Amino acid sequence: MTLRLVEFLVAGNEASDLLPVRSPTLLRAYGARRGFWTVLDEGPVEQCLALLLERDDGEWVAHHVPADAGPENGRTEDGEALAHHDGWVYVFGSHFGSKAGPLRPRRAFVARFREDDAVSGPLAVHVVRNRFRLHRAINDALVAAPLATLPPGERVRQRFVTETVARGTARAKGWVSRLAEDDLPLNVEAAAFTPAGTALLGLRFPVTAAGEPIYVELAGVAGMFDRAAPSWPRALGAYALTGVTPAGALAGFRAITPTDDGGYAAVIGSIDALGKGSVLLDDHPHGGKVTSRHVRFRHAAADDARVGAELVAELAPFHHVEGLAEEAGRCYYVTDEDHRVALWIG
């Protein structure tokens, strides 16, 4: 596949995920014929939303979108996944930690906003921090599923789970009760909603013992945002993609997007980045040199919770494709680059 590169500088940071703009009003306001949302790594979600837009004259431009999360300003970090549902754009935090641990409560959040609200003034973003409730629900689903997950390694367990429990206990945090010593650290990297309104969350880690990517289906995500009577999502099941992991490798999810035929396209790749002090890769070095792959699947699992997938394109030499969109017969990818946003068009 031949790819064309468009580069942007957006708030001096790299991008995660790629979500097509659905609002004609927003596109008209910027004189654009198409556009994508992306979320920038590491900082608070209200400081990390950006638009990548193709103007009517064919020029690509980027806009860092000013936003306001109200009382939650400055209390989140590491937004990773974007998804449309019922007129909202949802942003999912990684629910992970730094490369060396521990888990960080600031990353355990979901936010949402209306696209039209980005036309003028600061974009109102509603943030819900779940204090490891999703961590608990997903871990319970992984235990219940007929899947053998890759053991995290003693160092990973110590850094990510044991140290998180110790820190929370020392600070008398109520969320400590939602963590268990045998939990798996979760790294949420991808999200898409189904027509039934459930959310498919793609995990970069954990993977199966055979190195297959895992995703979890959640019901009730919108209930978190009910100001009058909020409720928490529940996990309906955990599933593994088969047939697309390179032999002898570990591959986690990097992106998911719905396709026009009712299925899903996804990017799978390394379980963590090379050369950045990852304790995951210290324990599992064969999970870092994996190049990215564009795959497709349908959310229809067998009794063993395995979902067949097919390879669409090898994205070598890229190890760091973070977002995917398929639109008007073209593929768009965004890669994780230091201090720039790189959009690749195929």
Foldseek 3Di string as FASTA:
>chain_A
DDKDKDWAFDPQFEWFAWAKDPDPLQCVLVQFPTKIWTFTAFFDRQQTIKIWGQHPVRDTYMDRQHADQDPCPRQAGAFAEWEDDPQKIKTAFFQQAPLQDAGDQRRQKMKIFGSNQSSDDHTHIHMDRDLCPVLLQVQVQVVVALFAWAQQDPSQLCGYAVVVLVVCVVVVHPSSVSGDSRGWGWTFHEWYAAPVGWIKTWTLDDATNQQFTKIWIKPDPCQCVPPVHRDDIHTPHMATEPDPDPHPAHKTWQYWDADPVRWIKTKIAASDEPPRNHVSCVVVVRRHQTFIFIKIWHPDADSNRYTYIGTDDGPPPHRFWRYWDADPNKIWTWGGDRRMIMIMID
